[in-house]
């Protein structure tokens, strides 16, 4: 027995929307609209949060370091989700013969992170 819970954030909403695109009863025009909305309004416009230490939290250095690590892990998880969702948008857009959307989604997937590291397996900084 499955239970439905409302999406907690925009990424979860995008996942649910992409499931609607895959549903056979969804019209092609609706599929294209949903894909465009998922990509342009959710994946592209989603802002990365910057780490902020609230001085009122009164944490010692070790606690601050742990908090920074957890924050970085959360940000990496969100980054990975965005890339995987954009990849799915690209696949579905290609299937729906939406070339511009497919190309833009592919470019987003292949875009190098802002920290200057390559997406290759070597992990060496880009020069």
N, C-alpha and C. Protein backbone atom coordinates (compact mmCIF):
# COMPACT_ATOMS: atom_id res chain seq x y z
N UNK A 1 0.85 -1.16 0.00
CA UNK A 1 0.00 0.00 0.00
C UNK A 1 0.90 1.23 0.00
N UNK A 2 0.80 2.05 -1.04
CA UNK A 2 1.63 3.24 -1.16
C UNK A 2 0.94 4.45 -0.56
N UNK A 3 1.73 5.35 -0.06
CA UNK A 3 1.18 6.59 0.47
C UNK A 3 1.75 7.73 -0.34
N UNK A 4 0.94 8.73 -0.55
CA UNK A 4 1.35 9.90 -1.31
C UNK A 4 1.70 11.00 -0.33
N UNK A 5 2.84 11.63 -0.57
CA UNK A 5 3.19 12.81 0.22
C UNK A 5 3.50 13.94 -0.75
N UNK A 6 3.17 15.12 -0.34
CA UNK A 6 3.39 16.29 -1.19
C UNK A 6 4.89 16.50 -1.38
N UNK A 7 5.29 17.02 -2.56
CA UNK A 7 6.71 17.26 -2.79
C UNK A 7 7.28 18.25 -1.78
N UNK A 8 8.50 17.96 -1.30
CA UNK A 8 9.12 18.79 -0.29
C UNK A 8 9.83 20.01 -0.88
N UNK A 9 10.24 19.89 -2.14
CA UNK A 9 10.97 20.99 -2.78
C UNK A 9 10.71 20.98 -4.28
N UNK A 10 11.30 21.94 -4.97
CA UNK A 10 11.08 22.06 -6.41
C UNK A 10 11.62 20.86 -7.19
N UNK A 11 12.71 20.26 -6.72
CA UNK A 11 13.25 19.10 -7.41
C UNK A 11 12.30 17.91 -7.34
N UNK A 12 11.70 17.70 -6.19
CA UNK A 12 10.73 16.61 -6.07
C UNK A 12 9.52 16.86 -6.96
N UNK A 13 9.11 18.13 -7.05
CA UNK A 13 7.99 18.47 -7.93
C UNK A 13 8.37 18.19 -9.39
N UNK A 14 9.60 18.49 -9.77
CA UNK A 14 10.06 18.22 -11.13
C UNK A 14 10.05 16.71 -11.42
N UNK A 15 10.43 15.92 -10.44
CA UNK A 15 10.41 14.46 -10.60
C UNK A 15 8.98 13.98 -10.86
N UNK A 16 8.04 14.49 -10.08
CA UNK A 16 6.63 14.11 -10.27
C UNK A 16 6.12 14.57 -11.63
N UNK A 17 6.54 15.77 -12.05
CA UNK A 17 6.13 16.27 -13.36
C UNK A 17 6.68 15.41 -14.48
N UNK A 18 7.93 14.97 -14.34
CA UNK A 18 8.51 14.10 -15.38
C UNK A 18 7.78 12.76 -15.45
N UNK A 19 7.27 12.29 -14.33
CA UNK A 19 6.45 11.07 -14.35
C UNK A 19 5.17 11.29 -15.15
N UNK A 20 4.61 12.51 -15.08
CA UNK A 20 3.42 12.82 -15.87
C UNK A 20 3.74 12.79 -17.36
N UNK A 21 4.93 13.24 -17.73
CA UNK A 21 5.33 13.24 -19.14
C UNK A 21 5.38 11.80 -19.67
N UNK A 22 5.84 10.88 -18.84
CA UNK A 22 5.95 9.47 -19.26
C UNK A 22 4.60 8.76 -19.32
N UNK A 23 3.59 9.34 -18.70
CA UNK A 23 2.28 8.69 -18.66
C UNK A 23 1.68 8.68 -20.07
N UNK A 24 1.18 7.53 -20.52
CA UNK A 24 0.68 7.42 -21.90
C UNK A 24 -0.55 8.28 -22.21
N UNK A 25 -1.29 8.69 -21.20
CA UNK A 25 -2.50 9.49 -21.44
C UNK A 25 -2.22 10.98 -21.61
N UNK A 26 -0.99 11.39 -21.35
CA UNK A 26 -0.65 12.81 -21.46
C UNK A 26 -0.46 13.18 -22.92
N UNK A 27 -1.11 14.26 -23.34
CA UNK A 27 -1.01 14.72 -24.73
C UNK A 27 0.38 15.28 -24.98
N UNK A 28 0.80 15.22 -26.26
CA UNK A 28 2.14 15.68 -26.61
C UNK A 28 2.34 17.15 -26.25
N UNK A 29 1.34 17.99 -26.48
CA UNK A 29 1.48 19.41 -26.15
C UNK A 29 1.68 19.61 -24.65
N UNK A 30 0.99 18.81 -23.84
CA UNK A 30 1.16 18.88 -22.39
C UNK A 30 2.55 18.38 -21.99
N UNK A 31 3.01 17.32 -22.66
CA UNK A 31 4.33 16.78 -22.36
C UNK A 31 5.41 17.83 -22.61
N UNK A 32 5.32 18.52 -23.73
CA UNK A 32 6.30 19.55 -24.08
C UNK A 32 6.25 20.69 -23.07
N UNK A 33 5.05 21.10 -22.70
CA UNK A 33 4.89 22.18 -21.72
C UNK A 33 5.49 21.80 -20.37
N UNK A 34 5.23 20.59 -19.92
CA UNK A 34 5.76 20.12 -18.64
C UNK A 34 7.28 20.05 -18.68
N UNK A 35 7.82 19.51 -19.77
CA UNK A 35 9.28 19.42 -19.90
C UNK A 35 9.92 20.80 -19.87
N UNK A 36 9.36 21.72 -20.61
CA UNK A 36 9.90 23.09 -20.63
C UNK A 36 9.85 23.72 -19.25
N UNK A 37 8.73 23.55 -18.57
CA UNK A 37 8.59 24.13 -17.24
C UNK A 37 9.60 23.51 -16.27
N UNK A 38 9.74 22.19 -16.33
CA UNK A 38 10.70 21.51 -15.45
C UNK A 38 12.12 22.03 -15.68
N UNK A 39 12.47 22.14 -16.94
CA UNK A 39 13.84 22.53 -17.25
C UNK A 39 14.10 24.01 -16.98
N UNK A 40 13.30 24.87 -17.58
CA UNK A 40 13.60 26.30 -17.51
C UNK A 40 13.25 26.92 -16.16
N UNK A 41 12.11 26.51 -15.55
CA UNK A 41 11.79 27.17 -14.30
C UNK A 41 12.36 26.49 -13.08
N UNK A 42 12.57 25.19 -13.12
CA UNK A 42 13.06 24.51 -11.93
C UNK A 42 14.57 24.29 -12.00
N UNK A 43 15.02 23.58 -12.99
CA UNK A 43 16.43 23.20 -13.01
C UNK A 43 17.37 24.36 -13.28
N UNK A 44 17.01 25.22 -14.20
CA UNK A 44 17.89 26.34 -14.54
C UNK A 44 17.85 27.42 -13.47
N UNK A 45 16.69 27.75 -12.97
CA UNK A 45 16.54 28.88 -12.04
C UNK A 45 16.77 28.52 -10.58
N UNK A 46 16.99 27.27 -10.28
CA UNK A 46 17.23 26.87 -8.90
C UNK A 46 18.58 27.41 -8.45
N UNK A 47 18.56 28.24 -7.44
CA UNK A 47 19.78 28.88 -6.96
C UNK A 47 20.47 28.00 -5.91
N UNK A 48 21.80 27.94 -6.03
CA UNK A 48 22.56 27.23 -5.02
C UNK A 48 22.68 28.12 -3.80
N UNK A 49 22.48 27.53 -2.65
CA UNK A 49 22.61 28.29 -1.40
C UNK A 49 24.08 28.39 -1.02
N UNK A 50 24.42 29.47 -0.38
CA UNK A 50 25.76 29.66 0.14
C UNK A 50 25.75 29.29 1.62
N UNK A 51 26.87 28.75 2.07
CA UNK A 51 26.98 28.39 3.49
C UNK A 51 26.96 29.66 4.34
N UNK A 52 26.19 29.63 5.39
CA UNK A 52 26.12 30.74 6.32
C UNK A 52 26.18 30.20 7.74
N UNK A 53 27.11 30.74 8.50
CA UNK A 53 27.22 30.35 9.90
C UNK A 53 26.55 31.43 10.75
N UNK A 54 25.53 31.03 11.45
CA UNK A 54 24.83 31.94 12.34
C UNK A 54 25.66 32.10 13.62
N UNK A 55 26.15 33.31 13.88
CA UNK A 55 26.97 33.50 15.09
C UNK A 55 26.21 33.15 16.38
N UNK A 56 24.91 33.23 16.35
CA UNK A 56 24.12 32.91 17.53
C UNK A 56 24.15 31.42 17.86
N UNK A 57 24.55 30.60 16.91
CA UNK A 57 24.59 29.15 17.16
C UNK A 57 25.71 28.77 18.11
N UNK A 58 26.73 29.64 18.22
CA UNK A 58 27.81 29.47 19.20
C UNK A 58 28.46 28.09 19.09
N UNK A 59 28.91 27.73 17.88
CA UNK A 59 29.54 26.44 17.66
C UNK A 59 31.06 26.55 17.79
N UNK A 60 31.66 25.48 18.30
CA UNK A 60 33.12 25.42 18.35
C UNK A 60 33.63 25.03 16.96
N UNK A 61 34.93 25.16 16.73
CA UNK A 61 35.51 24.94 15.41
C UNK A 61 35.20 23.54 14.85
N UNK A 62 35.27 22.52 15.68
CA UNK A 62 34.99 21.15 15.23
C UNK A 62 33.54 21.03 14.76
N UNK A 63 32.62 21.62 15.50
CA UNK A 63 31.21 21.59 15.11
C UNK A 63 30.97 22.37 13.82
N UNK A 64 31.67 23.50 13.67
CA UNK A 64 31.57 24.28 12.44
C UNK A 64 32.05 23.47 11.24
N UNK A 65 33.15 22.77 11.41
CA UNK A 65 33.69 21.95 10.33
C UNK A 65 32.71 20.85 9.94
N UNK A 66 32.11 20.21 10.92
CA UNK A 66 31.12 19.17 10.64
C UNK A 66 29.91 19.74 9.93
N UNK A 67 29.47 20.92 10.38
CA UNK A 67 28.33 21.57 9.75
C UNK A 67 28.63 21.92 8.29
N UNK A 68 29.84 22.42 8.03
CA UNK A 68 30.25 22.75 6.65
C UNK A 68 30.28 21.50 5.77
N UNK A 69 30.78 20.40 6.32
CA UNK A 69 30.82 19.15 5.56
C UNK A 69 29.42 18.67 5.20
N UNK A 70 28.52 18.72 6.18
CA UNK A 70 27.14 18.31 5.92
C UNK A 70 26.49 19.20 4.88
N UNK A 71 26.73 20.49 4.98
CA UNK A 71 26.18 21.43 4.01
C UNK A 71 26.71 21.12 2.61
N UNK A 72 28.01 20.87 2.51
CA UNK A 72 28.61 20.56 1.21
C UNK A 72 28.03 19.26 0.64
N UNK A 73 27.83 18.25 1.48
CA UNK A 73 27.23 17.00 1.02
C UNK A 73 25.82 17.23 0.49
N UNK A 74 25.04 18.04 1.19
CA UNK A 74 23.68 18.35 0.74
C UNK A 74 23.70 19.06 -0.60
N UNK A 75 24.63 20.00 -0.76
CA UNK A 75 24.73 20.75 -2.02
C UNK A 75 25.16 19.84 -3.16
N UNK A 76 26.08 18.92 -2.89
CA UNK A 76 26.50 17.97 -3.93
C UNK A 76 25.36 17.04 -4.33
N UNK A 77 24.56 16.64 -3.35
CA UNK A 77 23.40 15.79 -3.63
C UNK A 77 22.40 16.53 -4.52
N UNK A 78 22.12 17.79 -4.20
CA UNK A 78 21.21 18.59 -5.03
C UNK A 78 21.77 18.81 -6.42
N UNK A 79 23.07 19.04 -6.52
CA UNK A 79 23.73 19.23 -7.81
C UNK A 79 23.57 17.97 -8.68
N UNK A 80 23.80 16.82 -8.07
CA UNK A 80 23.66 15.55 -8.79
C UNK A 80 22.21 15.34 -9.24
N UNK A 81 21.26 15.64 -8.37
CA UNK A 81 19.85 15.49 -8.73
C UNK A 81 19.50 16.38 -9.92
N UNK A 82 19.98 17.61 -9.90
CA UNK A 82 19.70 18.54 -11.01
C UNK A 82 20.26 18.00 -12.31
N UNK A 83 21.48 17.49 -12.28
CA UNK A 83 22.10 16.96 -13.50
C UNK A 83 21.35 15.72 -14.00
N UNK A 84 20.96 14.84 -13.10
CA UNK A 84 20.23 13.64 -13.51
C UNK A 84 18.85 14.00 -14.08
N UNK A 85 18.18 14.96 -13.47
CA UNK A 85 16.88 15.39 -13.98
C UNK A 85 17.02 16.06 -15.34
N UNK A 86 18.05 16.88 -15.51
CA UNK A 86 18.28 17.52 -16.81
C UNK A 86 18.58 16.47 -17.87
N UNK A 87 19.29 15.43 -17.49
CA UNK A 87 19.56 14.33 -18.41
C UNK A 87 18.26 13.66 -18.85
N UNK A 88 17.37 13.46 -17.90
CA UNK A 88 16.07 12.86 -18.22
C UNK A 88 15.24 13.78 -19.11
N UNK A 89 15.29 15.08 -18.85
CA UNK A 89 14.59 16.05 -19.69
C UNK A 89 15.14 15.97 -21.12
N UNK A 90 16.45 15.88 -21.25
CA UNK A 90 17.07 15.80 -22.57
C UNK A 90 16.59 14.56 -23.33
N UNK A 91 16.55 13.42 -22.64
CA UNK A 91 16.08 12.18 -23.29
C UNK A 91 14.63 12.32 -23.75
N UNK A 92 13.78 12.80 -22.84
CA UNK A 92 12.37 12.92 -23.18
C UNK A 92 12.13 13.96 -24.28
N UNK A 93 12.88 15.06 -24.23
CA UNK A 93 12.73 16.09 -25.27
C UNK A 93 13.16 15.53 -26.63
N UNK A 94 14.19 14.73 -26.64
CA UNK A 94 14.64 14.11 -27.89
C UNK A 94 13.55 13.17 -28.43
N UNK A 95 12.96 12.39 -27.54
CA UNK A 95 11.89 11.48 -27.95
C UNK A 95 10.68 12.25 -28.50
N UNK A 96 10.43 13.44 -27.97
CA UNK A 96 9.30 14.25 -28.40
C UNK A 96 9.66 15.18 -29.56
N UNK A 97 10.87 15.01 -30.08
CA UNK A 97 11.37 15.79 -31.22
C UNK A 97 11.40 17.29 -30.90
N UNK A 98 11.82 17.62 -29.70
CA UNK A 98 11.98 19.00 -29.26
C UNK A 98 13.49 19.30 -29.21
N UNK A 99 14.06 19.56 -30.38
CA UNK A 99 15.50 19.69 -30.53
C UNK A 99 16.13 20.76 -29.66
N UNK A 100 15.55 21.96 -29.64
CA UNK A 100 16.13 23.05 -28.86
C UNK A 100 16.18 22.71 -27.38
N UNK A 101 15.09 22.18 -26.86
CA UNK A 101 15.05 21.81 -25.46
C UNK A 101 16.04 20.69 -25.16
N UNK A 102 16.11 19.71 -26.04
CA UNK A 102 17.05 18.60 -25.84
C UNK A 102 18.49 19.11 -25.82
N UNK A 103 18.83 20.00 -26.75
CA UNK A 103 20.19 20.55 -26.81
C UNK A 103 20.50 21.37 -25.57
N UNK A 104 19.57 22.22 -25.16
CA UNK A 104 19.80 23.04 -23.96
C UNK A 104 19.96 22.17 -22.71
N UNK A 105 19.17 21.13 -22.61
CA UNK A 105 19.29 20.23 -21.45
C UNK A 105 20.62 19.50 -21.48
N UNK A 106 21.06 19.08 -22.67
CA UNK A 106 22.37 18.41 -22.79
C UNK A 106 23.50 19.36 -22.42
N UNK A 107 23.39 20.60 -22.84
CA UNK A 107 24.42 21.59 -22.47
C UNK A 107 24.46 21.79 -20.97
N UNK A 108 23.30 21.82 -20.34
CA UNK A 108 23.24 21.98 -18.89
C UNK A 108 23.91 20.80 -18.20
N UNK A 109 23.65 19.59 -18.71
CA UNK A 109 24.24 18.40 -18.11
C UNK A 109 25.76 18.43 -18.23
N UNK A 110 26.26 18.87 -19.36
CA UNK A 110 27.70 18.85 -19.62
C UNK A 110 28.44 20.07 -19.07
N UNK A 111 27.72 21.03 -18.56
CA UNK A 111 28.33 22.25 -18.04
C UNK A 111 29.25 21.93 -16.86
N UNK A 112 30.46 22.51 -16.90
CA UNK A 112 31.44 22.28 -15.85
C UNK A 112 31.02 23.06 -14.61
N UNK A 113 31.13 22.45 -13.42
CA UNK A 113 30.75 23.14 -12.19
C UNK A 113 31.51 24.44 -11.99
N UNK A 114 30.94 25.34 -11.23
CA UNK A 114 31.53 26.66 -11.02
C UNK A 114 32.80 26.62 -10.19
N UNK A 115 33.10 25.48 -9.55
CA UNK A 115 34.32 25.42 -8.74
C UNK A 115 35.56 25.17 -9.58
N UNK A 116 35.39 25.09 -10.92
CA UNK A 116 36.54 24.98 -11.81
C UNK A 116 37.06 23.58 -12.00
N UNK A 117 36.34 22.57 -11.51
CA UNK A 117 36.81 21.19 -11.66
C UNK A 117 36.13 20.58 -12.88
N UNK A 118 36.83 19.69 -13.51
CA UNK A 118 36.27 19.03 -14.67
C UNK A 118 35.30 17.95 -14.22
N UNK A 119 34.46 17.52 -15.13
CA UNK A 119 33.52 16.46 -14.79
C UNK A 119 34.09 15.10 -15.11
N UNK A 120 35.33 15.04 -15.55
CA UNK A 120 35.97 13.77 -15.88
C UNK A 120 36.31 12.98 -14.63
N UNK A 121 36.79 11.76 -14.84
CA UNK A 121 37.06 10.89 -13.71
C UNK A 121 38.36 11.24 -13.01
N UNK A 122 39.25 12.00 -13.67
CA UNK A 122 40.53 12.29 -13.04
C UNK A 122 40.40 13.29 -11.91
N UNK A 123 39.40 14.18 -11.97
CA UNK A 123 39.19 15.13 -10.92
C UNK A 123 40.24 16.22 -10.85
N UNK A 124 41.02 16.38 -11.91
CA UNK A 124 42.05 17.41 -11.91
C UNK A 124 41.43 18.74 -12.26
N UNK A 125 41.96 19.82 -11.70
CA UNK A 125 41.40 21.13 -12.00
C UNK A 125 41.53 21.48 -13.47
N UNK A 126 40.52 22.17 -13.97
CA UNK A 126 40.55 22.61 -15.37
C UNK A 126 41.59 23.70 -15.52
N UNK A 127 42.29 23.69 -16.66
CA UNK A 127 43.31 24.71 -16.90
C UNK A 127 42.89 25.62 -18.01
